[in-house]
């Protein structure tokens, strides 16, 4: 876990410009899904006994089309989340304008639940309700549980697509290179990709790297096994 400075200047800079949730979720989501869905196609088509050319064609189509589809869906979902935050903020603006005393009581209750009491509670309530933007920010967090940092739809979409593309192309390499044991190599590379994604993900968690990596391998391996089994049902 990275450390940060605690001087007055460092604190003011960090708190004044919070980074938000970042793109970790989008990167992990895109990478795992890219590797899983592409290898699922590889396993399914290979299980059905079809030619490597079909595997490459379907795999590339999946990487591009499904990757773009996921990115578009992530963009739309994040955009909807952002629109909802703006809608709720507008509602709070109207409530403060039309029902200031009721909204002031809500601020007082939020602060009371954070442990403020007596004169300190009164002073804090007065200070926050003197500034409309601070008032609304507190209501967004305390009443609706929404962060004060807006999500970034384009950044989320691009991250998802690039991660999907990078991980999704890996299972296709052995077939593109024309290796004789392409499926076995593809399976090994895909499991290594799952392992690497899981191990890298542990940098941002409290789980040991091997536990995070093993969990990702199990999830991806189960998806691949199901696809391969379904493919064998259609083997000529």
C-alpha atoms as a PDB file:
ATOM      1  CA  UNK A   1       0.000   0.000   0.000  1.00  0.00           C
ATOM      2  CA  UNK A   2       1.513   3.316  -1.062  1.00  0.00           C
ATOM      3  CA  UNK A   3       2.104   6.006   1.538  1.00  0.00           C
ATOM      4  CA  UNK A   4       1.477   9.735   1.191  1.00  0.00           C
ATOM      5  CA  UNK A   5       2.798  12.832   2.845  1.00  0.00           C
ATOM      6  CA  UNK A   6       1.080  14.579   5.740  1.00  0.00           C
ATOM      7  CA  UNK A   7       2.353  18.116   5.516  1.00  0.00           C
ATOM      8  CA  UNK A   8      -0.298  20.839   5.338  1.00  0.00           C
ATOM      9  CA  UNK A   9       0.452  21.477   1.658  1.00  0.00           C
ATOM     10  CA  UNK A  10       0.347  17.782   0.726  1.00  0.00           C
ATOM     11  CA  UNK A  11      -2.910  17.261   2.597  1.00  0.00           C
ATOM     12  CA  UNK A  12      -4.574  20.295   1.005  1.00  0.00           C
ATOM     13  CA  UNK A  13      -3.491  19.219  -2.485  1.00  0.00           C
ATOM     14  CA  UNK A  14      -4.599  15.603  -2.041  1.00  0.00           C
ATOM     15  CA  UNK A  15      -7.951  16.323  -0.387  1.00  0.00           C
ATOM     16  CA  UNK A  16      -8.689  19.190  -2.765  1.00  0.00           C
ATOM     17  CA  UNK A  17      -8.336  16.989  -5.847  1.00  0.00           C
ATOM     18  CA  UNK A  18      -9.351  13.412  -4.983  1.00  0.00           C
ATOM     19  CA  UNK A  19      -8.562  10.903  -7.761  1.00  0.00           C
ATOM     20  CA  UNK A  20     -11.911   9.119  -7.600  1.00  0.00           C
ATOM     21  CA  UNK A  21     -12.300   5.401  -8.142  1.00  0.00           C
ATOM     22  CA  UNK A  22      -9.787   5.284 -11.025  1.00  0.00           C
ATOM     23  CA  UNK A  23      -9.845   2.670 -13.779  1.00  0.00           C
ATOM     24  CA  UNK A  24      -8.728  -0.433 -11.876  1.00  0.00           C
ATOM     25  CA  UNK A  25     -12.182  -2.011 -11.966  1.00  0.00           C
ATOM     26  CA  UNK A  26     -12.523  -1.326 -15.699  1.00  0.00           C
ATOM     27  CA  UNK A  27      -9.075  -2.767 -16.476  1.00  0.00           C
ATOM     28  CA  UNK A  28      -9.578  -5.954 -14.467  1.00  0.00           C
ATOM     29  CA  UNK A  29     -13.116  -6.396 -15.789  1.00  0.00           C
ATOM     30  CA  UNK A  30     -12.035  -5.939 -19.411  1.00  0.00           C
ATOM     31  CA  UNK A  31      -8.929  -8.121 -19.163  1.00  0.00           C
ATOM     32  CA  UNK A  32     -10.609 -11.068 -17.465  1.00  0.00           C
ATOM     33  CA  UNK A  33     -13.599 -10.974 -19.777  1.00  0.00           C
ATOM     34  CA  UNK A  34     -11.363 -10.642 -22.831  1.00  0.00           C
ATOM     35  CA  UNK A  35      -9.316 -13.704 -21.919  1.00  0.00           C
ATOM     36  CA  UNK A  36     -12.362 -15.714 -20.831  1.00  0.00           C
ATOM     37  CA  UNK A  37     -14.585 -15.041 -23.830  1.00  0.00           C
ATOM     38  CA  UNK A  38     -11.855 -15.459 -26.442  1.00  0.00           C
ATOM     39  CA  UNK A  39     -10.589 -18.705 -24.964  1.00  0.00           C
ATOM     40  CA  UNK A  40     -14.164 -19.848 -24.587  1.00  0.00           C
ATOM     41  CA  UNK A  41     -14.509 -19.447 -28.358  1.00  0.00           C
ATOM     42  CA  UNK A  42     -11.182 -21.195 -28.928  1.00  0.00           C
ATOM     43  CA  UNK A  43     -12.152 -24.065 -26.621  1.00  0.00           C
ATOM     44  CA  UNK A  44     -15.630 -24.388 -28.042  1.00  0.00           C
ATOM     45  CA  UNK A  45     -14.527 -24.372 -31.680  1.00  0.00           C
ATOM     46  CA  UNK A  46     -11.570 -26.659 -30.986  1.00  0.00           C
ATOM     47  CA  UNK A  47     -13.854 -29.000 -29.075  1.00  0.00           C
ATOM     48  CA  UNK A  48     -16.112 -29.147 -32.103  1.00  0.00           C
ATOM     49  CA  UNK A  49     -13.133 -30.133 -34.239  1.00  0.00           C
ATOM     50  CA  UNK A  50     -13.267 -27.150 -36.588  1.00  0.00           C
ATOM     51  CA  UNK A  51     -10.291 -25.679 -38.463  1.00  0.00           C
ATOM     52  CA  UNK A  52      -7.746 -23.209 -36.985  1.00  0.00           C
ATOM     53  CA  UNK A  53      -8.843 -20.628 -39.586  1.00  0.00           C
ATOM     54  CA  UNK A  54     -12.357 -20.605 -38.103  1.00  0.00           C
ATOM     55  CA  UNK A  55     -10.862 -20.266 -34.625  1.00  0.00           C
ATOM     56  CA  UNK A  56      -8.797 -17.243 -35.695  1.00  0.00           C
ATOM     57  CA  UNK A  57     -11.722 -15.618 -37.545  1.00  0.00           C
ATOM     58  CA  UNK A  58     -14.158 -16.053 -34.676  1.00  0.00           C
ATOM     59  CA  UNK A  59     -11.543 -15.099 -32.101  1.00  0.00           C
ATOM     60  CA  UNK A  60     -10.585 -11.846 -33.810  1.00  0.00           C
ATOM     61  CA  UNK A  61     -14.252 -11.028 -34.373  1.00  0.00           C
ATOM     62  CA  UNK A  62     -14.858 -11.567 -30.652  1.00  0.00           C
ATOM     63  CA  UNK A  63     -11.897  -9.442 -29.573  1.00  0.00           C
ATOM     64  CA  UNK A  64     -12.972  -6.510 -31.726  1.00  0.00           C
ATOM     65  CA  UNK A  65     -16.764  -6.745 -31.608  1.00  0.00           C
ATOM     66  CA  UNK A  66     -17.235  -7.953 -28.045  1.00  0.00           C
ATOM     67  CA  UNK A  67     -14.473  -5.645 -26.810  1.00  0.00           C
ATOM     68  CA  UNK A  68     -16.180  -2.671 -28.415  1.00  0.00           C
ATOM     69  CA  UNK A  69     -19.549  -3.836 -27.125  1.00  0.00           C
ATOM     70  CA  UNK A  70     -18.220  -4.045 -23.571  1.00  0.00           C
ATOM     71  CA  UNK A  71     -16.599  -0.638 -23.879  1.00  0.00           C
ATOM     72  CA  UNK A  72     -19.827   0.858 -25.200  1.00  0.00           C
ATOM     73  CA  UNK A  73     -21.835  -0.778 -22.426  1.00  0.00           C
ATOM     74  CA  UNK A  74     -19.376   0.481 -19.807  1.00  0.00           C
ATOM     75  CA  UNK A  75     -19.550   3.975 -21.311  1.00  0.00           C
ATOM     76  CA  UNK A  76     -23.356   3.929 -21.247  1.00  0.00           C
ATOM     77  CA  UNK A  77     -23.466   2.576 -17.709  1.00  0.00           C
ATOM     78  CA  UNK A  78     -20.962   5.107 -16.392  1.00  0.00           C
ATOM     79  CA  UNK A  79     -22.726   7.892 -18.291  1.00  0.00           C
ATOM     80  CA  UNK A  80     -26.043   6.828 -16.732  1.00  0.00           C
ATOM     81  CA  UNK A  81     -24.393   6.895 -13.314  1.00  0.00           C
ATOM     82  CA  UNK A  82     -23.089  10.398 -13.999  1.00  0.00           C
ATOM     83  CA  UNK A  83     -26.478  11.578 -15.274  1.00  0.00           C
ATOM     84  CA  UNK A  84     -28.137  10.193 -12.166  1.00  0.00           C
ATOM     85  CA  UNK A  85     -25.691  12.054  -9.928  1.00  0.00           C
ATOM     86  CA  UNK A  86     -26.447  15.290 -11.773  1.00  0.00           C
ATOM     87  CA  UNK A  87     -30.187  14.655 -11.501  1.00  0.00           C
ATOM     88  CA  UNK A  88     -29.973  14.079  -7.754  1.00  0.00           C
ATOM     89  CA  UNK A  89     -27.778  17.149  -7.341  1.00  0.00           C
ATOM     90  CA  UNK A  90     -30.442  19.209  -9.124  1.00  0.00           C
ATOM     91  CA  UNK A  91     -33.086  17.818  -6.770  1.00  0.00           C
ATOM     92  CA  UNK A  92     -31.008  18.823  -3.755  1.00  0.00           C
ATOM     93  CA  UNK A  93     -30.559  22.324  -5.162  1.00  0.00           C
ATOM     94  CA  UNK A  94     -34.340  22.685  -5.419  1.00  0.00           C
ATOM     95  CA  UNK A  95     -34.883  21.259  -1.940  1.00  0.00           C
ATOM     96  CA  UNK A  96     -32.403  23.706  -0.427  1.00  0.00           C
ATOM     97  CA  UNK A  97     -34.125  26.542  -2.241  1.00  0.00           C
ATOM     98  CA  UNK A  98     -37.685  25.503  -1.327  1.00  0.00           C
ATOM     99  CA  UNK A  99     -37.223  23.743   2.025  1.00  0.00           C
ATOM    100  CA  UNK A 100     -34.061  25.226   3.594  1.00  0.00           C
ATOM    101  CA  UNK A 101     -35.007  24.438   7.208  1.00  0.00           C
ATOM    102  CA  UNK A 102     -35.787  20.806   6.429  1.00  0.00           C
ATOM    103  CA  UNK A 103     -32.512  20.430   4.524  1.00  0.00           C
ATOM    104  CA  UNK A 104     -30.665  22.097   7.392  1.00  0.00           C
ATOM    105  CA  UNK A 105     -32.094  19.492   9.757  1.00  0.00           C
ATOM    106  CA  UNK A 106     -30.849  16.781   7.393  1.00  0.00           C
ATOM    107  CA  UNK A 107     -27.336  18.255   7.516  1.00  0.00           C
ATOM    108  CA  UNK A 108     -27.516  18.308  11.304  1.00  0.00           C
ATOM    109  CA  UNK A 109     -28.586  14.644  11.368  1.00  0.00           C
ATOM    110  CA  UNK A 110     -25.793  13.588   9.010  1.00  0.00           C
ATOM    111  CA  UNK A 111     -23.214  15.344  11.162  1.00  0.00           C
ATOM    112  CA  UNK A 112     -24.729  13.929  14.339  1.00  0.00           C
ATOM    113  CA  UNK A 113     -24.357  10.411  12.929  1.00  0.00           C
ATOM    114  CA  UNK A 114     -20.693  11.204  12.342  1.00  0.00           C
ATOM    115  CA  UNK A 115     -20.305  11.811  16.076  1.00  0.00           C
ATOM    116  CA  UNK A 116     -20.680  15.595  16.431  1.00  0.00           C
ATOM    117  CA  UNK A 117     -22.556  16.853  19.488  1.00  0.00           C
ATOM    118  CA  UNK A 118     -23.588  20.077  21.238  1.00  0.00           C
ATOM    119  CA  UNK A 119     -22.054  23.396  20.241  1.00  0.00           C
ATOM    120  CA  UNK A 120     -19.667  21.731  17.780  1.00  0.00           C
ATOM    121  CA  UNK A 121     -22.638  20.208  15.959  1.00  0.00           C
ATOM    122  CA  UNK A 122     -24.384  23.580  15.788  1.00  0.00           C
ATOM    123  CA  UNK A 123     -21.267  25.368  14.556  1.00  0.00           C
ATOM    124  CA  UNK A 124     -20.536  22.719  11.926  1.00  0.00           C
ATOM    125  CA  UNK A 125     -24.126  22.846  10.685  1.00  0.00           C
ATOM    126  CA  UNK A 126     -23.974  26.640  10.415  1.00  0.00           C
ATOM    127  CA  UNK A 127     -20.624  26.538   8.592  1.00  0.00           C
ATOM    128  CA  UNK A 128     -21.706  23.981   6.005  1.00  0.00           C
ATOM    129  CA  UNK A 129     -25.100  25.523   5.276  1.00  0.00           C
ATOM    130  CA  UNK A 130     -23.506  28.908   4.627  1.00  0.00           C
ATOM    131  CA  UNK A 131     -21.921  27.528   1.449  1.00  0.00           C
ATOM    132  CA  UNK A 132     -24.440  26.049  -1.014  1.00  0.00           C
ATOM    133  CA  UNK A 133     -21.926  23.820  -2.837  1.00  0.00           C
ATOM    134  CA  UNK A 134     -20.564  22.354   0.396  1.00  0.00           C
ATOM    135  CA  UNK A 135     -24.136  21.866   1.564  1.00  0.00           C
ATOM    136  CA  UNK A 136     -25.069  19.942  -1.576  1.00  0.00           C
ATOM    137  CA  UNK A 137     -21.845  17.893  -1.509  1.00  0.00           C
ATOM    138  CA  UNK A 138     -22.594  16.775   2.038  1.00  0.00           C
ATOM    139  CA  UNK A 139     -26.157  15.823   1.110  1.00  0.00           C
ATOM    140  CA  UNK A 140     -24.968  13.835  -1.900  1.00  0.00           C
ATOM    141  CA  UNK A 141     -22.666  11.786   0.290  1.00  0.00           C
ATOM    142  CA  UNK A 142     -24.664  11.620   3.514  1.00  0.00           C
ATOM    143  CA  UNK A 143     -28.174  11.156   2.099  1.00  0.00           C
ATOM    144  CA  UNK A 144     -27.508   9.260  -1.127  1.00  0.00           C
ATOM    145  CA  UNK A 145     -24.093   7.679  -0.556  1.00  0.00           C
ATOM    146  CA  UNK A 146     -22.704   9.233  -3.752  1.00  0.00           C
ATOM    147  CA  UNK A 147     -19.105  10.314  -4.178  1.00  0.00           C
ATOM    148  CA  UNK A 148     -18.265  13.927  -4.813  1.00  0.00           C
ATOM    149  CA  UNK A 149     -15.941  12.852  -7.653  1.00  0.00           C
ATOM    150  CA  UNK A 150     -17.645  12.425 -11.019  1.00  0.00           C
ATOM    151  CA  UNK A 151     -16.999   9.183 -12.948  1.00  0.00           C
ATOM    152  CA  UNK A 152     -15.383   9.409 -16.384  1.00  0.00           C
ATOM    153  CA  UNK A 153     -17.367   7.489 -19.054  1.00  0.00           C
ATOM    154  CA  UNK A 154     -14.798   7.844 -21.872  1.00  0.00           C
ATOM    155  CA  UNK A 155     -11.871   6.841 -19.674  1.00  0.00           C
ATOM    156  CA  UNK A 156     -13.794   3.816 -18.402  1.00  0.00           C
ATOM    157  CA  UNK A 157     -14.746   2.746 -21.929  1.00  0.00           C
ATOM    158  CA  UNK A 158     -11.232   3.114 -23.368  1.00  0.00           C
ATOM    159  CA  UNK A 159      -9.665   1.256 -20.442  1.00  0.00           C
ATOM    160  CA  UNK A 160     -12.142  -1.610 -20.779  1.00  0.00           C
ATOM    161  CA  UNK A 161     -11.551  -1.934 -24.531  1.00  0.00           C
ATOM    162  CA  UNK A 162      -7.740  -1.832 -24.321  1.00  0.00           C
ATOM    163  CA  UNK A 163      -7.642  -4.345 -21.472  1.00  0.00           C
ATOM    164  CA  UNK A 164     -10.069  -6.617 -23.334  1.00  0.00           C
ATOM    165  CA  UNK A 165      -7.962  -6.370 -26.496  1.00  0.00           C
ATOM    166  CA  UNK A 166      -4.647  -7.020 -24.731  1.00  0.00           C
ATOM    167  CA  UNK A 167      -5.832 -10.096 -22.832  1.00  0.00           C
ATOM    168  CA  UNK A 168      -8.268 -11.351 -25.463  1.00  0.00           C
ATOM    169  CA  UNK A 169      -5.677 -11.694 -28.226  1.00  0.00           C
ATOM    170  CA  UNK A 170      -3.439 -13.999 -26.157  1.00  0.00           C
ATOM    171  CA  UNK A 171      -5.398 -17.260 -26.730  1.00  0.00           C
ATOM    172  CA  UNK A 172      -5.199 -16.708 -30.492  1.00  0.00           C
ATOM    173  CA  UNK A 173      -1.409 -16.407 -30.793  1.00  0.00           C
ATOM    174  CA  UNK A 174      -0.686 -20.139 -31.179  1.00  0.00           C
ATOM    175  CA  UNK A 175      -3.250 -20.424 -33.990  1.00  0.00           C
ATOM    176  CA  UNK A 176      -2.013 -17.275 -35.726  1.00  0.00           C
ATOM    177  CA  UNK A 177       1.544 -18.662 -35.592  1.00  0.00           C
ATOM    178  CA  UNK A 178       0.340 -22.035 -36.916  1.00  0.00           C
ATOM    179  CA  UNK A 179       1.756 -24.130 -34.069  1.00  0.00           C
ATOM    180  CA  UNK A 180       1.063 -27.841 -34.244  1.00  0.00           C
ATOM    181  CA  UNK A 181      -0.153 -28.099 -30.641  1.00  0.00           C
ATOM    182  CA  UNK A 182      -1.923 -24.750 -30.814  1.00  0.00           C
ATOM    183  CA  UNK A 183      -4.806 -25.600 -28.503  1.00  0.00           C
ATOM    184  CA  UNK A 184      -2.578 -26.857 -25.679  1.00  0.00           C
ATOM    185  CA  UNK A 185      -0.335 -23.789 -25.968  1.00  0.00           C
ATOM    186  CA  UNK A 186      -3.399 -21.529 -26.099  1.00  0.00           C
ATOM    187  CA  UNK A 187      -4.768 -23.121 -22.936  1.00  0.00           C
ATOM    188  CA  UNK A 188      -1.429 -22.680 -21.156  1.00  0.00           C
ATOM    189  CA  UNK A 189      -1.072 -19.050 -22.277  1.00  0.00           C
ATOM    190  CA  UNK A 190      -4.624 -18.272 -21.223  1.00  0.00           C
ATOM    191  CA  UNK A 191      -4.113 -19.752 -17.759  1.00  0.00           C
ATOM    192  CA  UNK A 192      -0.894 -17.736 -17.476  1.00  0.00           C
ATOM    193  CA  UNK A 193      -2.857 -14.626 -18.450  1.00  0.00           C
ATOM    194  CA  UNK A 194      -5.472 -15.325 -15.760  1.00  0.00           C
ATOM    195  CA  UNK A 195      -2.677 -15.877 -13.269  1.00  0.00           C
ATOM    196  CA  UNK A 196      -0.948 -12.614 -14.225  1.00  0.00           C
ATOM    197  CA  UNK A 197      -4.197 -10.625 -14.029  1.00  0.00           C
ATOM    198  CA  UNK A 198      -4.980 -12.025 -10.603  1.00  0.00           C
ATOM    199  CA  UNK A 199      -1.445 -11.482  -9.299  1.00  0.00           C
ATOM    200  CA  UNK A 200      -1.403  -7.910 -10.603  1.00  0.00           C
ATOM    201  CA  UNK A 201      -4.833  -7.262  -9.089  1.00  0.00           C
ATOM    202  CA  UNK A 202      -3.480  -8.150  -5.651  1.00  0.00           C
ATOM    203  CA  UNK A 203      -1.337  -4.997  -5.696  1.00  0.00           C
ATOM    204  CA  UNK A 204      -4.534  -3.040  -4.953  1.00  0.00           C
ATOM    205  CA  UNK A 205      -5.968  -5.476  -2.408  1.00  0.00           C
ATOM    206  CA  UNK A 206      -5.109  -7.017   0.944  1.00  0.00           C
ATOM    207  CA  UNK A 207      -5.207 -10.577  -0.457  1.00  0.00           C
ATOM    208  CA  UNK A 208      -1.916 -12.436  -1.045  1.00  0.00           C
ATOM    209  CA  UNK A 209      -0.864 -12.424  -4.720  1.00  0.00           C
ATOM    210  CA  UNK A 210      -1.122 -16.208  -4.972  1.00  0.00           C
ATOM    211  CA  UNK A 211      -4.682 -16.208  -3.609  1.00  0.00           C
ATOM    212  CA  UNK A 212      -5.843 -13.516  -6.014  1.00  0.00           C
ATOM    213  CA  UNK A 213      -4.073 -15.245  -8.911  1.00  0.00           C
ATOM    214  CA  UNK A 214      -5.506 -18.657  -8.028  1.00  0.00           C
ATOM    215  CA  UNK A 215      -9.025 -17.278  -7.746  1.00  0.00           C
ATOM    216  CA  UNK A 216      -8.791 -15.723 -11.207  1.00  0.00           C
ATOM    217  CA  UNK A 217      -7.393 -18.937 -12.702  1.00  0.00           C
ATOM    218  CA  UNK A 218     -10.252 -20.960 -11.216  1.00  0.00           C
ATOM    219  CA  UNK A 219     -12.910 -18.561 -12.552  1.00  0.00           C
ATOM    220  CA  UNK A 220     -11.378 -18.427 -16.016  1.00  0.00           C
ATOM    221  CA  UNK A 221     -10.699 -22.165 -16.089  1.00  0.00           C
ATOM    222  CA  UNK A 222     -14.305 -22.990 -15.250  1.00  0.00           C
ATOM    223  CA  UNK A 223     -15.577 -20.782 -18.095  1.00  0.00           C
ATOM    224  CA  UNK A 224     -13.133 -22.395 -20.534  1.00  0.00           C
ATOM    225  CA  UNK A 225     -14.029 -25.926 -19.396  1.00  0.00           C
ATOM    226  CA  UNK A 226     -17.746 -25.279 -19.883  1.00  0.00           C
ATOM    227  CA  UNK A 227     -17.151 -23.907 -23.386  1.00  0.00           C
ATOM    228  CA  UNK A 228     -14.937 -26.849 -24.349  1.00  0.00           C
ATOM    229  CA  UNK A 229     -17.508 -29.345 -23.070  1.00  0.00           C
ATOM    230  CA  UNK A 230     -20.288 -27.680 -25.075  1.00  0.00           C
ATOM    231  CA  UNK A 231     -18.046 -27.707 -28.132  1.00  0.00           C
ATOM    232  CA  UNK A 232     -17.438 -31.448 -27.850  1.00  0.00           C
ATOM    233  CA  UNK A 233     -21.179 -32.052 -28.028  1.00  0.00           C
ATOM    234  CA  UNK A 234     -21.087 -30.820 -31.640  1.00  0.00           C
ATOM    235  CA  UNK A 235     -17.948 -32.704 -32.653  1.00  0.00           C
ATOM    236  CA  UNK A 236     -18.587 -34.408 -35.981  1.00  0.00           C
END
